[in-house]
Amino acid sequence: MYKLKLVKGHSYTGHGVKATQKSPFVEVSSKEISDSLIASGYFSLAAETETPAASTTANAAAAETEAETDIEKMSLAQLKALAQQIGLDTKGLKSKADYIEAINTAEELFPDEA
């Protein structure tokens, strides 16, 4: 696990993370994403921790549940922005439920990209 701190700009959204000046810390599990965010100049490495293999499955399940809960709390405008960010074709999507279903389907089909 890599803990990063936003060091440039007022906010950053991308690579599956969102950081603001009020909430500057983010965690990513991938070294590639961590390296990419640091290379962007917006983040610095705050900490690198090892996740024990036994708890990895539990952490992934908790993160998935948290993500599902968070997406339900998002406004339609936020869902539209997220759909655009992950490259979803939004033709025909009108309601909040439509966007939630499309985003969840994309995450199931392409877990590393969504």
N, C-alpha and C. Protein backbone atom coordinates (compact mmCIF):
# COMPACT_ATOMS: atom_id res chain seq x y z
N MET A 1 0.84 -1.16 0.00
CA MET A 1 0.00 0.00 0.00
C MET A 1 0.89 1.23 0.00
N TYR A 2 0.51 2.24 -0.76
CA TYR A 2 1.29 3.46 -0.87
C TYR A 2 0.41 4.63 -0.44
N LYS A 3 0.87 5.38 0.53
CA LYS A 3 0.14 6.55 1.00
C LYS A 3 0.82 7.77 0.38
N LEU A 4 0.01 8.56 -0.33
CA LEU A 4 0.53 9.73 -1.02
C LEU A 4 -0.11 10.99 -0.47
N LYS A 5 0.60 12.10 -0.61
CA LYS A 5 0.08 13.38 -0.14
C LYS A 5 0.06 14.36 -1.30
N LEU A 6 -1.08 15.03 -1.48
CA LEU A 6 -1.21 16.07 -2.49
C LEU A 6 -0.31 17.24 -2.10
N VAL A 7 0.61 17.61 -3.00
CA VAL A 7 1.55 18.68 -2.68
C VAL A 7 1.46 19.85 -3.66
N LYS A 8 0.65 19.70 -4.71
CA LYS A 8 0.54 20.74 -5.72
C LYS A 8 -0.93 20.89 -6.10
N GLY A 9 -1.41 22.09 -6.16
CA GLY A 9 -2.78 22.36 -6.60
C GLY A 9 -3.78 22.30 -5.45
N HIS A 10 -4.99 22.72 -5.76
CA HIS A 10 -6.07 22.73 -4.77
C HIS A 10 -6.74 21.37 -4.66
N SER A 11 -6.77 20.64 -5.78
CA SER A 11 -7.38 19.31 -5.76
C SER A 11 -6.85 18.50 -6.93
N TYR A 12 -7.07 17.19 -6.86
CA TYR A 12 -6.66 16.29 -7.93
C TYR A 12 -7.64 15.13 -7.98
N THR A 13 -8.12 14.80 -9.17
CA THR A 13 -8.97 13.64 -9.37
C THR A 13 -8.44 12.90 -10.58
N GLY A 14 -8.15 11.64 -10.42
CA GLY A 14 -7.66 10.81 -11.51
C GLY A 14 -7.00 9.56 -10.97
N HIS A 15 -6.79 8.59 -11.83
CA HIS A 15 -6.17 7.33 -11.45
C HIS A 15 -6.91 6.67 -10.27
N GLY A 16 -8.21 6.94 -10.17
CA GLY A 16 -8.99 6.32 -9.10
C GLY A 16 -8.83 6.97 -7.74
N VAL A 17 -8.22 8.15 -7.68
CA VAL A 17 -8.06 8.84 -6.40
C VAL A 17 -8.62 10.25 -6.49
N LYS A 18 -8.97 10.78 -5.34
CA LYS A 18 -9.43 12.15 -5.25
C LYS A 18 -8.81 12.75 -4.00
N ALA A 19 -8.13 13.88 -4.17
CA ALA A 19 -7.49 14.55 -3.04
C ALA A 19 -7.78 16.04 -3.12
N THR A 20 -7.87 16.66 -1.96
CA THR A 20 -8.07 18.11 -1.87
C THR A 20 -7.10 18.65 -0.82
N GLN A 21 -7.02 19.96 -0.72
CA GLN A 21 -6.17 20.55 0.31
C GLN A 21 -6.66 20.18 1.70
N LYS A 22 -7.97 20.03 1.87
CA LYS A 22 -8.51 19.65 3.17
C LYS A 22 -8.29 18.18 3.47
N SER A 23 -8.23 17.35 2.43
CA SER A 23 -8.03 15.91 2.56
C SER A 23 -6.92 15.49 1.60
N PRO A 24 -5.66 15.82 1.92
CA PRO A 24 -4.58 15.64 0.95
C PRO A 24 -4.03 14.22 0.82
N PHE A 25 -4.39 13.31 1.71
CA PHE A 25 -3.81 11.98 1.68
C PHE A 25 -4.69 10.99 0.92
N VAL A 26 -4.06 10.16 0.10
CA VAL A 26 -4.74 9.08 -0.62
C VAL A 26 -3.89 7.83 -0.48
N GLU A 27 -4.53 6.68 -0.63
CA GLU A 27 -3.81 5.41 -0.61
C GLU A 27 -4.09 4.66 -1.89
N VAL A 28 -3.05 4.10 -2.46
CA VAL A 28 -3.18 3.26 -3.65
C VAL A 28 -2.42 1.96 -3.40
N SER A 29 -2.89 0.90 -4.00
CA SER A 29 -2.24 -0.40 -3.77
C SER A 29 -1.22 -0.73 -4.85
N SER A 30 -1.28 -0.05 -5.96
CA SER A 30 -0.41 -0.36 -7.10
C SER A 30 0.82 0.55 -7.13
N LYS A 31 1.98 -0.05 -7.26
CA LYS A 31 3.21 0.72 -7.38
C LYS A 31 3.20 1.56 -8.65
N GLU A 32 2.62 1.01 -9.73
CA GLU A 32 2.56 1.73 -10.99
C GLU A 32 1.74 3.00 -10.86
N ILE A 33 0.58 2.92 -10.19
CA ILE A 33 -0.26 4.10 -10.00
C ILE A 33 0.46 5.09 -9.09
N SER A 34 1.06 4.58 -8.03
CA SER A 34 1.80 5.45 -7.12
C SER A 34 2.90 6.20 -7.86
N ASP A 35 3.67 5.49 -8.65
CA ASP A 35 4.76 6.11 -9.42
C ASP A 35 4.22 7.15 -10.40
N SER A 36 3.09 6.83 -11.03
CA SER A 36 2.49 7.75 -12.00
C SER A 36 2.01 9.03 -11.32
N LEU A 37 1.38 8.88 -10.16
CA LEU A 37 0.89 10.06 -9.44
C LEU A 37 2.05 10.93 -8.95
N ILE A 38 3.11 10.29 -8.48
CA ILE A 38 4.28 11.04 -8.03
C ILE A 38 4.94 11.75 -9.22
N ALA A 39 5.03 11.05 -10.36
CA ALA A 39 5.63 11.63 -11.56
C ALA A 39 4.83 12.82 -12.07
N SER A 40 3.52 12.87 -11.77
CA SER A 40 2.70 13.99 -12.22
C SER A 40 3.09 15.29 -11.53
N GLY A 41 3.76 15.17 -10.39
CA GLY A 41 4.16 16.34 -9.65
C GLY A 41 3.14 16.81 -8.63
N TYR A 42 1.97 16.18 -8.64
CA TYR A 42 0.91 16.57 -7.71
C TYR A 42 1.03 15.88 -6.35
N PHE A 43 1.77 14.76 -6.29
CA PHE A 43 1.84 13.98 -5.06
C PHE A 43 3.28 13.67 -4.67
N SER A 44 3.46 13.45 -3.36
CA SER A 44 4.73 12.92 -2.87
C SER A 44 4.39 11.68 -2.04
N LEU A 45 5.36 10.79 -1.93
CA LEU A 45 5.15 9.57 -1.15
C LEU A 45 5.19 9.91 0.33
N ALA A 46 4.11 9.58 1.03
CA ALA A 46 4.05 9.84 2.47
C ALA A 46 4.46 8.59 3.24
N ALA A 47 4.07 7.40 2.75
CA ALA A 47 4.42 6.15 3.43
C ALA A 47 4.18 4.98 2.49
N GLU A 48 4.95 3.94 2.70
CA GLU A 48 4.78 2.69 1.96
C GLU A 48 4.63 1.60 3.00
N THR A 49 3.53 0.88 2.93
CA THR A 49 3.29 -0.18 3.91
C THR A 49 3.01 -1.49 3.20
N GLU A 50 3.36 -2.56 3.85
CA GLU A 50 3.06 -3.88 3.33
C GLU A 50 1.74 -4.34 3.89
N THR A 51 0.92 -4.93 3.04
CA THR A 51 -0.35 -5.49 3.48
C THR A 51 -0.16 -6.99 3.61
N PRO A 52 -0.38 -7.54 4.80
CA PRO A 52 -0.25 -8.99 4.95
C PRO A 52 -1.19 -9.72 4.01
N ALA A 53 -0.72 -10.81 3.42
CA ALA A 53 -1.50 -11.55 2.44
C ALA A 53 -2.82 -12.04 3.01
N ALA A 54 -2.87 -12.40 4.25
CA ALA A 54 -4.11 -12.92 4.85
C ALA A 54 -5.20 -11.87 4.90
N SER A 55 -4.83 -10.62 5.07
CA SER A 55 -5.85 -9.58 5.18
C SER A 55 -6.15 -8.91 3.85
N THR A 56 -5.43 -9.26 2.80
CA THR A 56 -5.65 -8.64 1.50
C THR A 56 -7.06 -8.88 1.01
N THR A 57 -7.57 -10.10 1.12
CA THR A 57 -8.92 -10.42 0.66
C THR A 57 -9.94 -9.65 1.47
N ALA A 58 -9.77 -9.58 2.76
CA ALA A 58 -10.71 -8.84 3.62
C ALA A 58 -10.67 -7.36 3.27
N ASN A 59 -9.49 -6.82 3.04
CA ASN A 59 -9.37 -5.41 2.68
C ASN A 59 -10.03 -5.13 1.34
N ALA A 60 -9.85 -6.02 0.38
CA ALA A 60 -10.46 -5.84 -0.94
C ALA A 60 -11.99 -5.87 -0.83
N ALA A 61 -12.51 -6.79 -0.03
CA ALA A 61 -13.96 -6.87 0.15
C ALA A 61 -14.49 -5.62 0.83
N ALA A 62 -13.78 -5.13 1.82
CA ALA A 62 -14.20 -3.90 2.52
C ALA A 62 -14.14 -2.71 1.58
N ALA A 63 -13.10 -2.63 0.76
CA ALA A 63 -12.98 -1.52 -0.18
C ALA A 63 -14.10 -1.56 -1.21
N GLU A 64 -14.44 -2.77 -1.67
CA GLU A 64 -15.52 -2.91 -2.64
C GLU A 64 -16.85 -2.46 -2.04
N THR A 65 -17.12 -2.87 -0.81
CA THR A 65 -18.35 -2.46 -0.14
C THR A 65 -18.36 -0.96 0.06
N GLU A 66 -17.23 -0.38 0.45
CA GLU A 66 -17.13 1.06 0.65
C GLU A 66 -17.36 1.80 -0.66
N ALA A 67 -16.78 1.30 -1.75
CA ALA A 67 -16.95 1.94 -3.05
C ALA A 67 -18.40 1.91 -3.48
N GLU A 68 -19.08 0.78 -3.26
CA GLU A 68 -20.49 0.68 -3.61
C GLU A 68 -21.30 1.66 -2.79
N THR A 69 -21.00 1.80 -1.52
CA THR A 69 -21.71 2.74 -0.67
C THR A 69 -21.45 4.17 -1.13
N ASP A 70 -20.20 4.49 -1.42
CA ASP A 70 -19.86 5.84 -1.84
C ASP A 70 -20.55 6.22 -3.14
N ILE A 71 -20.62 5.30 -4.08
CA ILE A 71 -21.23 5.60 -5.38
C ILE A 71 -22.73 5.88 -5.20
N GLU A 72 -23.35 5.23 -4.27
CA GLU A 72 -24.77 5.46 -4.00
C GLU A 72 -25.00 6.86 -3.44
N LYS A 73 -24.01 7.42 -2.76
CA LYS A 73 -24.14 8.74 -2.15
C LYS A 73 -23.83 9.87 -3.13
N MET A 74 -23.26 9.54 -4.29
CA MET A 74 -22.86 10.55 -5.24
C MET A 74 -24.07 11.18 -5.92
N SER A 75 -23.92 12.46 -6.28
CA SER A 75 -24.98 13.14 -7.03
C SER A 75 -24.90 12.70 -8.49
N LEU A 76 -25.95 13.02 -9.24
CA LEU A 76 -25.96 12.69 -10.66
C LEU A 76 -24.80 13.38 -11.38
N ALA A 77 -24.52 14.62 -11.02
CA ALA A 77 -23.40 15.35 -11.64
C ALA A 77 -22.06 14.65 -11.35
N GLN A 78 -21.89 14.18 -10.11
CA GLN A 78 -20.66 13.48 -9.75
C GLN A 78 -20.55 12.16 -10.51
N LEU A 79 -21.68 11.47 -10.66
CA LEU A 79 -21.68 10.20 -11.40
C LEU A 79 -21.33 10.44 -12.87
N LYS A 80 -21.87 11.51 -13.44
CA LYS A 80 -21.54 11.84 -14.83
C LYS A 80 -20.05 12.12 -14.98
N ALA A 81 -19.50 12.86 -14.04
CA ALA A 81 -18.07 13.16 -14.09
C ALA A 81 -17.22 11.90 -13.96
N LEU A 82 -17.63 11.02 -13.06
CA LEU A 82 -16.91 9.75 -12.89
C LEU A 82 -16.99 8.91 -14.16
N ALA A 83 -18.17 8.84 -14.74
CA ALA A 83 -18.34 8.07 -15.98
C ALA A 83 -17.43 8.61 -17.08
N GLN A 84 -17.35 9.93 -17.18
CA GLN A 84 -16.48 10.54 -18.18
C GLN A 84 -15.01 10.24 -17.87
N GLN A 85 -14.66 10.31 -16.59
CA GLN A 85 -13.28 10.07 -16.17
C GLN A 85 -12.81 8.67 -16.52
N ILE A 86 -13.69 7.68 -16.37
CA ILE A 86 -13.27 6.30 -16.66
C ILE A 86 -13.57 5.90 -18.10
N GLY A 87 -14.07 6.86 -18.90
CA GLY A 87 -14.24 6.61 -20.33
C GLY A 87 -15.47 5.84 -20.72
N LEU A 88 -16.54 5.94 -19.95
CA LEU A 88 -17.77 5.23 -20.28
C LEU A 88 -18.54 5.94 -21.38
N ASP A 89 -19.18 5.15 -22.25
CA ASP A 89 -20.11 5.69 -23.23
C ASP A 89 -21.42 5.92 -22.49
N THR A 90 -21.84 7.17 -22.39
CA THR A 90 -23.02 7.50 -21.58
C THR A 90 -24.28 7.74 -22.41
N LYS A 91 -24.22 7.42 -23.70
CA LYS A 91 -25.41 7.57 -24.54
C LYS A 91 -26.54 6.73 -23.96
N GLY A 92 -27.69 7.34 -23.80
CA GLY A 92 -28.86 6.62 -23.31
C GLY A 92 -28.96 6.58 -21.79
N LEU A 93 -27.94 7.03 -21.08
CA LEU A 93 -28.00 7.05 -19.62
C LEU A 93 -28.67 8.34 -19.18
N LYS A 94 -29.73 8.21 -18.38
CA LYS A 94 -30.47 9.40 -17.98
C LYS A 94 -30.55 9.56 -16.47
N SER A 95 -30.81 8.48 -15.77
CA SER A 95 -31.04 8.59 -14.33
C SER A 95 -29.79 8.22 -13.54
N LYS A 96 -29.82 8.56 -12.27
CA LYS A 96 -28.74 8.22 -11.35
C LYS A 96 -28.55 6.70 -11.34
N ALA A 97 -29.65 5.97 -11.32
CA ALA A 97 -29.58 4.50 -11.31
C ALA A 97 -28.90 3.97 -12.57
N ASP A 98 -29.17 4.60 -13.72
CA ASP A 98 -28.53 4.19 -14.97
C ASP A 98 -27.01 4.35 -14.88
N TYR A 99 -26.57 5.49 -14.34
CA TYR A 99 -25.13 5.74 -14.22
C TYR A 99 -24.49 4.78 -13.22
N ILE A 100 -25.14 4.55 -12.10
CA ILE A 100 -24.60 3.62 -11.10
C ILE A 100 -24.43 2.23 -11.70
N GLU A 101 -25.45 1.77 -12.41
CA GLU A 101 -25.38 0.44 -13.03
C GLU A 101 -24.26 0.37 -14.06
N ALA A 102 -24.12 1.40 -14.88
CA ALA A 102 -23.07 1.41 -15.91
C ALA A 102 -21.68 1.43 -15.29
N ILE A 103 -21.50 2.24 -14.26
CA ILE A 103 -20.20 2.33 -13.59
C ILE A 103 -19.86 1.01 -12.91
N ASN A 104 -20.83 0.42 -12.21
CA ASN A 104 -20.58 -0.86 -11.55
C ASN A 104 -20.27 -1.95 -12.57
N THR A 105 -20.96 -1.96 -13.70
CA THR A 105 -20.69 -2.94 -14.75
C THR A 105 -19.28 -2.76 -15.31
N ALA A 106 -18.89 -1.52 -15.53
CA ALA A 106 -17.53 -1.25 -16.05
C ALA A 106 -16.48 -1.72 -15.06
N GLU A 107 -16.73 -1.51 -13.76
CA GLU A 107 -15.77 -1.95 -12.75
C GLU A 107 -15.69 -3.46 -12.69
N GLU A 108 -16.79 -4.15 -12.93
CA GLU A 108 -16.77 -5.62 -12.94
C GLU A 108 -16.03 -6.15 -14.16
N LEU A 109 -16.25 -5.50 -15.33
CA LEU A 109 -15.63 -5.97 -16.56
C LEU A 109 -14.16 -5.58 -16.65
N PHE A 110 -13.82 -4.40 -16.15
CA PHE A 110 -12.45 -3.87 -16.25
C PHE A 110 -12.00 -3.36 -14.88
N PRO A 111 -11.79 -4.23 -13.91
CA PRO A 111 -11.47 -3.79 -12.54
C PRO A 111 -10.20 -2.96 -12.43
N ASP A 112 -9.23 -3.16 -13.29
CA ASP A 112 -7.98 -2.41 -13.18
C ASP A 112 -8.08 -1.02 -13.80
N GLU A 113 -9.09 -0.80 -14.65
CA GLU A 113 -9.21 0.48 -15.33
C GLU A 113 -10.22 1.40 -14.67
N ALA A 114 -11.20 0.87 -13.97
CA ALA A 114 -12.26 1.69 -13.40
C ALA A 114 -11.89 2.18 -12.02
